[in-house]
């Protein structure tokens, strides 16, 4: 099974840090200015390596895949676009991590190029996938997506599973309560 974790990190990265941690490639596709790939994302092997890039900010990570109908539905219904004002107001980094395999990486690239909100993205390698599935679900190759997680500004896990982005009021209330 594949889990696509697409991480959308918000706006708290300075221009200097942005150049060192993020890149704007995928030369074969034209991306909007809002789509940012985490630089060398293929080399990120565990959650701590990823989170250290966003020190001092709460982080919401959304795990998804292009082959996951509920994941795609959330994007198609513009649920994330409706969540962005709340994310901005609370200075939360939103990261989407794709569990798509090498075989479906073109599907992933094609999908994210059409997103119309600022987001940070990566496609996880096997080490990161194993690390995430162990942290969240307690075992390798045991997972359920879509799934969103929340970390406080010290990157302590506040929630391994958040309410669906489709229930935006419940999601916002839960995040507000957890980050108090």
N, C-alpha and C. Protein backbone atom coordinates (compact mmCIF):
# COMPACT_ATOMS: atom_id res chain seq x y z
N UNK A 1 0.85 -1.18 0.00
CA UNK A 1 0.00 0.00 0.00
C UNK A 1 0.89 1.24 0.00
N UNK A 2 0.41 2.23 -0.64
CA UNK A 2 1.14 3.48 -0.70
C UNK A 2 0.38 4.55 0.05
N UNK A 3 1.09 5.41 0.71
CA UNK A 3 0.45 6.56 1.33
C UNK A 3 1.11 7.79 0.76
N UNK A 4 0.31 8.68 0.32
CA UNK A 4 0.83 9.91 -0.25
C UNK A 4 0.72 10.97 0.80
N UNK A 5 1.83 11.47 1.21
CA UNK A 5 1.84 12.50 2.22
C UNK A 5 2.33 13.76 1.53
N UNK A 6 1.45 14.62 1.41
CA UNK A 6 1.78 15.87 0.75
C UNK A 6 1.76 16.93 1.81
N UNK A 7 2.87 17.56 1.98
CA UNK A 7 2.99 18.51 3.03
C UNK A 7 2.93 19.91 2.50
N UNK A 8 2.07 20.64 3.07
CA UNK A 8 1.86 22.02 2.67
C UNK A 8 2.33 22.89 3.81
N UNK A 9 3.47 23.53 3.67
CA UNK A 9 3.97 24.38 4.72
C UNK A 9 3.57 25.80 4.43
N UNK A 10 3.21 26.50 5.46
CA UNK A 10 2.69 27.84 5.32
C UNK A 10 3.80 28.85 5.12
N UNK A 11 3.52 30.11 5.41
CA UNK A 11 4.32 31.24 4.95
C UNK A 11 5.42 31.68 5.90
N UNK A 12 5.77 30.98 6.94
CA UNK A 12 6.69 31.45 7.96
C UNK A 12 8.16 31.29 7.64
N UNK A 13 8.51 30.92 6.47
CA UNK A 13 9.89 30.70 6.10
C UNK A 13 10.43 31.98 5.47
N UNK A 14 11.60 32.41 5.95
CA UNK A 14 12.19 33.61 5.38
C UNK A 14 12.70 33.31 3.98
N UNK A 15 12.93 34.36 3.21
CA UNK A 15 13.43 34.17 1.84
C UNK A 15 14.77 33.44 1.85
N UNK A 16 15.64 33.78 2.80
CA UNK A 16 16.95 33.13 2.86
C UNK A 16 16.80 31.64 3.14
N UNK A 17 15.99 31.30 4.13
CA UNK A 17 15.76 29.89 4.44
C UNK A 17 15.04 29.18 3.31
N UNK A 18 14.14 29.90 2.66
CA UNK A 18 13.36 29.28 1.59
C UNK A 18 14.28 28.80 0.48
N UNK A 19 15.31 29.57 0.17
CA UNK A 19 16.22 29.17 -0.89
C UNK A 19 16.98 27.90 -0.52
N UNK A 20 17.30 27.74 0.77
CA UNK A 20 18.08 26.57 1.15
C UNK A 20 17.22 25.33 1.37
N UNK A 21 15.96 25.48 1.73
CA UNK A 21 15.13 24.33 2.05
C UNK A 21 14.11 23.96 0.98
N UNK A 22 13.82 24.87 0.08
CA UNK A 22 12.76 24.63 -0.88
C UNK A 22 13.25 24.91 -2.28
N UNK A 23 12.63 24.27 -3.21
CA UNK A 23 12.98 24.50 -4.60
C UNK A 23 11.72 24.62 -5.42
N UNK A 24 11.85 25.13 -6.59
CA UNK A 24 10.71 25.37 -7.45
C UNK A 24 10.83 24.56 -8.73
N UNK A 25 11.44 23.38 -8.70
CA UNK A 25 11.59 22.66 -9.94
C UNK A 25 10.46 21.70 -10.22
N UNK A 26 10.66 20.91 -11.05
CA UNK A 26 9.95 19.90 -11.81
C UNK A 26 9.85 20.56 -13.17
N UNK A 27 11.00 20.53 -13.80
CA UNK A 27 11.17 21.30 -15.03
C UNK A 27 10.21 20.89 -16.13
N UNK A 28 9.74 19.66 -16.10
CA UNK A 28 8.86 19.24 -17.18
C UNK A 28 7.44 19.78 -17.02
N UNK A 29 7.13 20.40 -15.89
CA UNK A 29 5.80 20.94 -15.65
C UNK A 29 5.90 22.40 -15.23
N UNK A 30 4.88 23.15 -15.56
CA UNK A 30 4.80 24.53 -15.13
C UNK A 30 3.95 24.60 -13.86
N UNK A 31 4.55 25.01 -12.75
CA UNK A 31 3.84 25.12 -11.49
C UNK A 31 3.51 26.58 -11.23
N UNK A 32 2.46 26.79 -10.44
CA UNK A 32 2.14 28.14 -10.02
C UNK A 32 3.16 28.56 -8.97
N UNK A 33 3.19 29.84 -8.65
CA UNK A 33 4.12 30.33 -7.63
C UNK A 33 3.82 29.77 -6.25
N UNK A 34 2.62 29.27 -6.05
CA UNK A 34 2.24 28.80 -4.73
C UNK A 34 2.67 27.36 -4.43
N UNK A 35 3.09 26.62 -5.42
CA UNK A 35 3.50 25.23 -5.21
C UNK A 35 5.00 25.19 -4.98
N UNK A 36 5.40 24.74 -3.79
CA UNK A 36 6.82 24.70 -3.44
C UNK A 36 7.18 23.29 -3.01
N UNK A 37 8.15 22.72 -3.69
CA UNK A 37 8.66 21.41 -3.30
C UNK A 37 9.76 21.59 -2.27
N UNK A 38 9.77 20.75 -1.27
CA UNK A 38 10.84 20.79 -0.29
C UNK A 38 12.10 20.25 -0.95
N UNK A 39 13.15 21.05 -0.89
CA UNK A 39 14.40 20.71 -1.57
C UNK A 39 14.93 19.36 -1.09
N UNK A 40 15.39 18.58 -2.04
CA UNK A 40 15.95 17.26 -1.75
C UNK A 40 15.00 16.40 -0.91
N UNK A 41 13.71 16.53 -1.20
CA UNK A 41 12.72 15.79 -0.41
C UNK A 41 12.96 14.29 -0.44
N UNK A 42 13.60 13.79 -1.49
CA UNK A 42 13.86 12.36 -1.60
C UNK A 42 14.83 11.87 -0.53
N UNK A 43 15.58 12.80 0.07
CA UNK A 43 16.59 12.43 1.07
C UNK A 43 16.09 12.56 2.50
N UNK A 44 14.86 13.00 2.70
CA UNK A 44 14.30 13.13 4.05
C UNK A 44 13.83 11.74 4.49
N UNK A 45 14.49 11.21 5.53
CA UNK A 45 14.25 9.84 5.95
C UNK A 45 13.39 9.68 7.20
N UNK A 46 13.14 10.78 7.91
CA UNK A 46 12.28 10.68 9.09
C UNK A 46 11.61 12.01 9.37
N UNK A 47 10.61 11.95 10.21
CA UNK A 47 9.79 13.12 10.51
C UNK A 47 10.61 14.24 11.13
N UNK A 48 11.55 13.92 12.01
CA UNK A 48 12.36 14.96 12.65
C UNK A 48 13.17 15.75 11.64
N UNK A 49 13.71 15.08 10.63
CA UNK A 49 14.47 15.78 9.58
C UNK A 49 13.59 16.80 8.87
N UNK A 50 12.35 16.46 8.67
CA UNK A 50 11.42 17.38 8.02
C UNK A 50 11.04 18.52 8.94
N UNK A 51 10.64 18.21 10.15
CA UNK A 51 10.15 19.23 11.08
C UNK A 51 11.22 20.25 11.45
N UNK A 52 12.49 19.84 11.48
CA UNK A 52 13.54 20.78 11.87
C UNK A 52 13.64 21.95 10.90
N UNK A 53 13.13 21.81 9.72
CA UNK A 53 13.14 22.89 8.73
C UNK A 53 12.16 24.00 9.09
N UNK A 54 11.28 23.74 10.05
CA UNK A 54 10.22 24.69 10.39
C UNK A 54 10.19 24.97 11.88
N UNK A 55 11.36 25.22 12.44
CA UNK A 55 11.51 25.46 13.87
C UNK A 55 10.66 26.65 14.31
N UNK A 56 10.04 26.49 15.47
CA UNK A 56 9.32 27.59 16.09
C UNK A 56 7.91 27.81 15.59
N UNK A 57 7.43 26.98 14.70
CA UNK A 57 6.07 27.13 14.18
C UNK A 57 5.30 25.84 14.34
N UNK A 58 4.01 25.95 14.66
CA UNK A 58 3.19 24.74 14.64
C UNK A 58 3.09 24.21 13.22
N UNK A 59 2.98 22.90 13.10
CA UNK A 59 2.96 22.26 11.78
C UNK A 59 1.77 21.31 11.69
N UNK A 60 1.05 21.43 10.59
CA UNK A 60 0.00 20.46 10.26
C UNK A 60 0.48 19.69 9.04
N UNK A 61 0.50 18.38 9.16
CA UNK A 61 0.93 17.52 8.06
C UNK A 61 -0.27 16.74 7.56
N UNK A 62 -0.45 16.76 6.27
CA UNK A 62 -1.53 15.99 5.66
C UNK A 62 -0.92 14.89 4.80
N UNK A 63 -1.30 13.66 5.09
CA UNK A 63 -0.82 12.49 4.36
C UNK A 63 -1.88 12.12 3.33
N UNK A 64 -1.45 11.90 2.11
CA UNK A 64 -2.42 11.61 1.05
C UNK A 64 -1.76 10.86 -0.09
N UNK A 65 -2.54 10.51 -1.10
CA UNK A 65 -2.03 9.87 -2.31
C UNK A 65 -2.98 10.16 -3.47
N UNK A 66 -2.45 10.15 -4.66
CA UNK A 66 -3.29 10.40 -5.83
C UNK A 66 -4.27 9.27 -6.09
N UNK A 67 -3.98 8.08 -5.59
CA UNK A 67 -4.85 6.93 -5.79
C UNK A 67 -5.91 6.81 -4.70
N UNK A 68 -5.99 7.79 -3.80
CA UNK A 68 -6.91 7.77 -2.66
C UNK A 68 -8.12 8.68 -2.96
N UNK A 69 -9.28 8.12 -3.29
CA UNK A 69 -10.45 8.95 -3.62
C UNK A 69 -10.84 9.97 -2.54
N UNK A 70 -10.85 9.61 -1.24
CA UNK A 70 -11.19 10.64 -0.24
C UNK A 70 -10.16 11.78 -0.20
N UNK A 71 -8.90 11.47 -0.48
CA UNK A 71 -7.87 12.51 -0.52
C UNK A 71 -8.16 13.49 -1.65
N UNK A 72 -8.43 12.97 -2.81
CA UNK A 72 -8.70 13.81 -3.99
C UNK A 72 -9.97 14.61 -3.79
N UNK A 73 -10.97 14.00 -3.17
CA UNK A 73 -12.24 14.70 -2.92
C UNK A 73 -12.01 15.96 -2.09
N UNK A 74 -11.17 15.87 -1.08
CA UNK A 74 -10.90 17.04 -0.23
C UNK A 74 -10.28 18.18 -1.04
N UNK A 75 -9.39 17.84 -1.96
CA UNK A 75 -8.81 18.88 -2.82
C UNK A 75 -9.85 19.43 -3.78
N UNK A 76 -10.62 18.56 -4.39
CA UNK A 76 -11.60 18.98 -5.39
C UNK A 76 -12.70 19.86 -4.81
N UNK A 77 -13.04 19.65 -3.55
CA UNK A 77 -14.08 20.46 -2.92
C UNK A 77 -13.53 21.76 -2.36
N UNK A 78 -12.28 22.04 -2.61
CA UNK A 78 -11.64 23.28 -2.16
C UNK A 78 -11.62 23.41 -0.64
N UNK A 79 -11.66 22.28 0.06
CA UNK A 79 -11.65 22.31 1.52
C UNK A 79 -10.40 22.99 2.06
N UNK A 80 -9.27 22.72 1.44
CA UNK A 80 -8.02 23.32 1.91
C UNK A 80 -8.01 24.82 1.68
N UNK A 81 -8.55 25.26 0.56
CA UNK A 81 -8.61 26.70 0.28
C UNK A 81 -9.42 27.42 1.36
N UNK A 82 -10.47 26.78 1.85
CA UNK A 82 -11.28 27.38 2.91
C UNK A 82 -10.56 27.37 4.26
N UNK A 83 -9.63 26.46 4.44
CA UNK A 83 -8.88 26.36 5.69
C UNK A 83 -7.74 27.38 5.76
N UNK A 84 -7.26 27.86 4.64
CA UNK A 84 -6.06 28.70 4.62
C UNK A 84 -6.15 29.97 5.46
N UNK A 85 -7.25 30.70 5.50
CA UNK A 85 -7.28 31.88 6.38
C UNK A 85 -7.02 31.53 7.85
N UNK A 86 -7.56 30.42 8.30
CA UNK A 86 -7.32 29.95 9.67
C UNK A 86 -5.84 29.58 9.85
N UNK A 87 -5.28 28.89 8.89
CA UNK A 87 -3.87 28.48 8.93
C UNK A 87 -2.98 29.72 9.00
N UNK A 88 -3.26 30.71 8.15
CA UNK A 88 -2.48 31.95 8.14
C UNK A 88 -2.58 32.68 9.48
N UNK A 89 -3.80 32.83 9.96
CA UNK A 89 -4.05 33.56 11.20
C UNK A 89 -3.30 32.94 12.38
N UNK A 90 -3.15 31.64 12.37
CA UNK A 90 -2.51 30.93 13.47
C UNK A 90 -1.05 30.57 13.20
N UNK A 91 -0.50 31.09 12.10
CA UNK A 91 0.91 30.90 11.76
C UNK A 91 1.31 29.42 11.70
N UNK A 92 0.41 28.61 11.18
CA UNK A 92 0.64 27.17 11.08
C UNK A 92 1.25 26.84 9.73
N UNK A 93 2.23 25.96 9.75
CA UNK A 93 2.84 25.46 8.53
C UNK A 93 2.01 24.26 8.08
N UNK A 94 1.59 24.27 6.83
CA UNK A 94 0.80 23.17 6.29
C UNK A 94 1.63 22.42 5.27
N UNK A 95 1.85 21.13 5.51
CA UNK A 95 2.71 20.31 4.66
C UNK A 95 1.91 19.13 4.15
N UNK A 96 2.02 18.88 2.87
CA UNK A 96 1.39 17.70 2.28
C UNK A 96 2.48 16.70 1.93
N UNK A 97 2.34 15.48 2.42
CA UNK A 97 3.30 14.42 2.12
C UNK A 97 2.57 13.35 1.32
N UNK A 98 3.10 13.07 0.16
CA UNK A 98 2.52 12.06 -0.72
C UNK A 98 3.15 10.70 -0.47
N UNK A 99 2.30 9.69 -0.41
CA UNK A 99 2.77 8.31 -0.31
C UNK A 99 2.79 7.65 -1.68
N UNK A 100 2.69 8.44 -2.73
CA UNK A 100 2.76 7.87 -4.08
C UNK A 100 4.12 7.22 -4.30
N UNK A 101 4.12 6.15 -5.05
CA UNK A 101 5.35 5.42 -5.37
C UNK A 101 6.06 6.08 -6.54
N UNK A 102 7.24 5.57 -6.85
CA UNK A 102 7.95 6.05 -8.04
C UNK A 102 7.09 5.86 -9.28
N UNK A 103 6.33 4.78 -9.30
CA UNK A 103 5.49 4.49 -10.47
C UNK A 103 4.37 5.51 -10.65
N UNK A 104 3.92 6.13 -9.56
CA UNK A 104 2.83 7.11 -9.66
C UNK A 104 3.31 8.54 -9.44
N UNK A 105 4.63 8.74 -9.47
CA UNK A 105 5.15 10.09 -9.23
C UNK A 105 4.70 11.10 -10.28
N UNK A 106 4.50 10.66 -11.51
CA UNK A 106 4.01 11.58 -12.54
C UNK A 106 2.58 12.01 -12.22
N UNK A 107 1.76 11.10 -11.74
CA UNK A 107 0.40 11.46 -11.32
C UNK A 107 0.45 12.51 -10.22
N UNK A 108 1.35 12.32 -9.26
CA UNK A 108 1.52 13.26 -8.16
C UNK A 108 1.92 14.64 -8.69
N UNK A 109 2.93 14.69 -9.54
CA UNK A 109 3.38 15.97 -10.10
C UNK A 109 2.27 16.65 -10.89
N UNK A 110 1.57 15.88 -11.68
CA UNK A 110 0.47 16.46 -12.47
C UNK A 110 -0.64 17.00 -11.57
N UNK A 111 -0.91 16.30 -10.49
CA UNK A 111 -1.98 16.74 -9.60
C UNK A 111 -1.61 18.03 -8.87
N UNK A 112 -0.43 18.07 -8.26
CA UNK A 112 -0.10 19.25 -7.44
C UNK A 112 0.12 20.49 -8.28
N UNK A 113 0.46 20.34 -9.55
CA UNK A 113 0.67 21.53 -10.37
C UNK A 113 -0.62 22.33 -10.53
N UNK A 114 -1.76 21.71 -10.30
CA UNK A 114 -3.04 22.38 -10.47
C UNK A 114 -3.62 22.96 -9.19
N UNK A 115 -2.92 22.81 -8.08
CA UNK A 115 -3.42 23.38 -6.83
C UNK A 115 -3.29 24.89 -6.89
N UNK A 116 -4.22 25.57 -6.26
CA UNK A 116 -4.22 27.03 -6.37
C UNK A 116 -4.05 27.73 -5.03
N UNK A 117 -3.38 27.07 -4.09
CA UNK A 117 -3.08 27.70 -2.81
C UNK A 117 -1.65 27.37 -2.42
N UNK A 118 -1.03 28.30 -1.67
CA UNK A 118 0.36 28.12 -1.29
C UNK A 118 0.50 26.83 -0.50
N UNK A 119 1.44 26.01 -0.92
CA UNK A 119 1.61 24.73 -0.25
C UNK A 119 3.01 24.19 -0.49
N UNK A 120 3.51 23.48 0.51
CA UNK A 120 4.80 22.81 0.43
C UNK A 120 4.54 21.32 0.27
N UNK A 121 5.33 20.70 -0.56
CA UNK A 121 5.05 19.32 -0.94
C UNK A 121 6.30 18.46 -0.93
N UNK A 122 6.08 17.19 -0.64
CA UNK A 122 7.11 16.19 -0.84
C UNK A 122 6.45 14.85 -1.05
N UNK A 123 7.18 14.01 -1.74
CA UNK A 123 6.77 12.62 -1.92
C UNK A 123 7.75 11.81 -1.09
N UNK A 124 7.24 11.03 -0.15
CA UNK A 124 8.13 10.36 0.80
C UNK A 124 8.82 9.15 0.18
N UNK A 125 10.02 8.92 0.66
CA UNK A 125 10.73 7.70 0.30
C UNK A 125 10.31 6.60 1.28
N UNK A 126 10.80 5.40 1.10
CA UNK A 126 10.39 4.27 1.94
C UNK A 126 10.76 4.48 3.40
N UNK A 127 11.94 5.06 3.67
CA UNK A 127 12.35 5.28 5.06
C UNK A 127 11.39 6.24 5.78
N UNK A 128 11.04 7.33 5.11
CA UNK A 128 10.11 8.28 5.72
C UNK A 128 8.73 7.64 5.89
N UNK A 129 8.29 6.89 4.90
CA UNK A 129 6.99 6.21 5.01
C UNK A 129 6.99 5.26 6.21
N UNK A 130 8.05 4.47 6.36
CA UNK A 130 8.14 3.55 7.49
C UNK A 130 8.13 4.30 8.81
N UNK A 131 8.88 5.41 8.88
CA UNK A 131 8.93 6.22 10.09
C UNK A 131 7.56 6.79 10.44
N UNK A 132 6.87 7.32 9.46
CA UNK A 132 5.54 7.89 9.69
C UNK A 132 4.53 6.82 10.11
N UNK A 133 4.54 5.70 9.42
CA UNK A 133 3.57 4.66 9.78
C UNK A 133 3.84 4.10 11.18
N UNK A 134 5.09 4.05 11.58
CA UNK A 134 5.43 3.61 12.93
C UNK A 134 4.94 4.63 13.96
N UNK A 135 5.19 5.90 13.73
CA UNK A 135 4.80 6.96 14.67
C UNK A 135 3.28 7.05 14.79
N UNK A 136 2.59 7.03 13.68
CA UNK A 136 1.15 7.27 13.69
C UNK A 136 0.36 6.01 14.00
N UNK A 137 0.68 4.93 13.31
CA UNK A 137 -0.15 3.73 13.39
C UNK A 137 0.52 2.54 14.08
N UNK A 138 1.78 2.71 14.50
CA UNK A 138 2.44 1.67 15.26
C UNK A 138 3.00 0.51 14.47
N UNK A 139 3.10 0.63 13.17
CA UNK A 139 3.67 -0.46 12.40
C UNK A 139 3.90 -0.12 10.96
N UNK A 140 4.81 -0.83 10.34
CA UNK A 140 5.13 -0.60 8.94
C UNK A 140 4.00 -1.12 8.06
N UNK A 141 3.74 -0.37 7.00
CA UNK A 141 2.72 -0.73 6.01
C UNK A 141 1.32 -0.89 6.60
N UNK A 142 1.09 -0.23 7.70
CA UNK A 142 -0.24 -0.19 8.30
C UNK A 142 -0.61 1.28 8.39
N UNK A 143 -1.52 1.71 7.53
CA UNK A 143 -1.88 3.12 7.55
C UNK A 143 -3.26 3.35 6.95
N UNK A 144 -3.75 4.55 7.20
CA UNK A 144 -5.05 4.95 6.69
C UNK A 144 -4.96 6.41 6.25
N UNK A 145 -5.27 6.67 5.00
CA UNK A 145 -5.25 8.03 4.50
C UNK A 145 -6.61 8.36 3.90
N UNK A 146 -6.95 9.62 3.83
CA UNK A 146 -6.16 10.78 4.26
C UNK A 146 -6.04 10.82 5.78
N UNK A 147 -4.98 11.45 6.22
CA UNK A 147 -4.75 11.62 7.65
C UNK A 147 -3.97 12.91 7.85
N UNK A 148 -4.42 13.70 8.80
CA UNK A 148 -3.70 14.93 9.13
C UNK A 148 -3.23 14.86 10.57
N UNK A 149 -2.04 15.39 10.80
CA UNK A 149 -1.41 15.41 12.12
C UNK A 149 -1.12 16.85 12.50
N UNK A 150 -1.00 17.10 13.81
CA UNK A 150 -0.67 18.44 14.28
C UNK A 150 0.49 18.37 15.27
N UNK A 151 1.42 19.30 15.10
CA UNK A 151 2.57 19.44 15.98
C UNK A 151 2.59 20.87 16.52
N UNK A 152 2.96 21.03 17.80
CA UNK A 152 3.06 22.38 18.34
C UNK A 152 4.34 23.04 17.84
N UNK A 153 4.64 24.25 18.31
CA UNK A 153 5.80 24.98 17.81
C UNK A 153 7.13 24.34 18.22
N UNK A 154 7.10 23.44 19.20
CA UNK A 154 8.30 22.67 19.57
C UNK A 154 8.32 21.31 18.88
N UNK A 155 7.34 21.09 18.03
CA UNK A 155 7.16 19.89 17.22
C UNK A 155 6.86 18.64 18.04
N UNK A 156 6.22 18.86 19.18
CA UNK A 156 5.63 17.77 19.95
C UNK A 156 4.32 17.39 19.25
N UNK A 157 4.06 16.09 19.14
CA UNK A 157 2.82 15.65 18.51
C UNK A 157 1.64 16.03 19.40
N UNK A 158 0.74 16.82 18.84
CA UNK A 158 -0.48 17.21 19.54
C UNK A 158 -1.64 16.30 19.15
N UNK A 159 -1.64 15.84 17.90
CA UNK A 159 -2.69 14.93 17.43
C UNK A 159 -2.13 14.10 16.28
N UNK A 160 -2.26 12.78 16.39
CA UNK A 160 -1.86 11.90 15.29
C UNK A 160 -2.92 11.84 14.21
N UNK A 161 -4.14 12.16 14.56
CA UNK A 161 -5.24 12.17 13.60
C UNK A 161 -6.16 13.33 13.94
N UNK A 162 -6.32 14.24 12.99
CA UNK A 162 -7.22 15.39 13.15
C UNK A 162 -8.54 15.10 12.44
N UNK A 163 -9.58 15.87 12.78
CA UNK A 163 -10.83 15.74 12.02
C UNK A 163 -10.59 16.04 10.54
N UNK A 164 -11.45 15.55 9.71
CA UNK A 164 -11.34 15.75 8.27
C UNK A 164 -11.40 17.23 7.91
N UNK A 165 -10.64 17.61 6.91
CA UNK A 165 -10.67 18.99 6.42
C UNK A 165 -12.04 19.33 5.85
N UNK A 166 -12.81 18.33 5.51
CA UNK A 166 -14.17 18.58 5.01
C UNK A 166 -15.11 19.07 6.11
N UNK A 167 -14.77 18.80 7.38
CA UNK A 167 -15.52 19.34 8.52
C UNK A 167 -14.68 20.47 9.11
N UNK A 168 -14.64 21.58 8.39
CA UNK A 168 -13.71 22.65 8.69
C UNK A 168 -13.93 23.25 10.07
N UNK A 169 -15.16 23.38 10.51
CA UNK A 169 -15.43 23.97 11.82
C UNK A 169 -14.87 23.07 12.92
N UNK A 170 -15.12 21.79 12.84
CA UNK A 170 -14.59 20.85 13.83
C UNK A 170 -13.06 20.83 13.79
N UNK A 171 -12.48 20.86 12.60
CA UNK A 171 -11.03 20.87 12.46
C UNK A 171 -10.43 22.12 13.09
N UNK A 172 -10.97 23.28 12.77
CA UNK A 172 -10.46 24.53 13.34
C UNK A 172 -10.61 24.55 14.85
N UNK A 173 -11.75 24.11 15.37
CA UNK A 173 -11.96 24.08 16.82
C UNK A 173 -10.96 23.14 17.49
N UNK A 174 -10.71 21.99 16.89
CA UNK A 174 -9.76 21.03 17.45
C UNK A 174 -8.36 21.61 17.48
N UNK A 175 -7.92 22.20 16.39
CA UNK A 175 -6.58 22.79 16.33
C UNK A 175 -6.45 23.91 17.35
N UNK A 176 -7.45 24.78 17.43
CA UNK A 176 -7.42 25.88 18.39
C UNK A 176 -7.26 25.35 19.81
N UNK A 177 -8.03 24.34 20.16
CA UNK A 177 -7.96 23.75 21.50
C UNK A 177 -6.59 23.12 21.76
N UNK A 178 -6.06 22.41 20.79
CA UNK A 178 -4.78 21.72 20.97
C UNK A 178 -3.60 22.68 21.09
N UNK A 179 -3.67 23.82 20.43
CA UNK A 179 -2.55 24.76 20.44
C UNK A 179 -2.64 25.80 21.55
N UNK A 180 -3.62 25.68 22.45
CA UNK A 180 -3.74 26.62 23.58
C UNK A 180 -2.54 26.54 24.47
